[in-house]
Protein backbone atom coordinates (compact mmCIF):
# COMPACT_ATOMS: atom_id res chain seq x y z
CA MET A 1 51.13 -49.73 57.19
CA LEU A 2 53.45 -46.75 56.98
CA TRP A 3 54.48 -47.61 53.42
CA THR A 4 50.83 -47.92 52.39
CA VAL A 5 49.80 -44.56 53.82
CA GLY A 6 52.93 -42.90 52.49
CA GLY A 7 52.28 -44.21 49.00
CA ALA A 8 48.69 -42.99 49.06
CA VAL A 9 49.70 -39.52 50.23
CA VAL A 10 52.47 -39.25 47.63
CA GLY A 11 50.05 -40.32 44.88
CA LEU A 12 47.49 -37.70 45.87
CA LEU A 13 50.14 -34.99 46.02
CA LEU A 14 51.45 -35.98 42.58
CA GLY A 15 47.93 -35.80 41.15
CA ILE A 16 47.27 -32.36 42.61
CA ALA A 17 50.69 -31.17 41.45
CA SER A 18 49.98 -32.41 37.93
CA SER A 19 46.75 -30.43 37.86
CA LEU A 20 48.68 -27.31 38.85
CA VAL A 21 51.52 -27.89 36.38
CA PHE A 22 49.16 -28.76 33.52
CA PRO A 23 46.14 -26.50 34.11
CA GLY A 24 44.44 -27.71 30.93
CA ILE A 25 43.51 -31.05 32.50
CA GLY A 26 41.63 -29.43 35.37
CA VAL A 27 41.56 -30.07 39.08
CA GLY A 28 39.06 -32.93 38.84
CA ALA A 29 41.22 -34.89 36.44
CA GLY A 30 44.27 -34.16 38.55
CA VAL A 31 42.55 -35.49 41.65
CA GLY A 32 41.42 -38.55 39.68
CA VAL A 33 44.99 -39.19 38.56
CA GLY A 34 46.07 -38.67 42.16
CA LEU A 35 43.59 -41.25 43.40
CA ALA A 36 44.77 -43.77 40.83
CA LEU A 37 48.42 -43.13 41.63
CA GLY A 38 47.66 -43.21 45.34
CA ALA A 39 45.95 -46.58 45.06
CA ALA A 40 48.79 -48.02 42.99
CA LEU A 41 51.49 -46.69 45.29
CA ALA A 42 49.58 -47.80 48.39
CA PHE A 43 49.33 -51.34 47.01
CA ALA A 44 53.01 -51.30 46.08
CA GLY A 45 53.86 -50.05 49.56
CA HIS A 46 51.77 -52.82 51.08
CA LEU A 47 53.60 -55.46 49.06
CA PHE A 48 56.96 -53.90 49.91
CA ALA A 49 56.14 -53.91 53.63
CA ARG A 50 55.04 -57.57 53.47
CA ASP A 51 58.26 -58.49 51.70
CA ARG A 52 60.40 -56.69 54.29
CA GLU A 53 58.40 -58.23 57.12
CA ARG A 54 59.00 -61.72 55.76
CA GLY A 55 62.76 -61.37 56.15
CA ARG A 56 65.65 -62.95 54.35
CA SER A 57 65.41 -66.36 56.04
CA GLU A 58 62.38 -67.42 53.99
CA ARG A 59 63.85 -66.48 50.62
């Protein structure tokens, strides 16, 4: 759960930062990029947490 929330927060922050670094894309596009990155990183964090939870004995 922590990896999922952390990935979503990092994605949103990266999207907002990209809108500040590249002002030509606008805040709306930056937030949209942040949502997409947040969803991708949240899913990756979810998969990572499941893999760690499974342990080495099942591999």
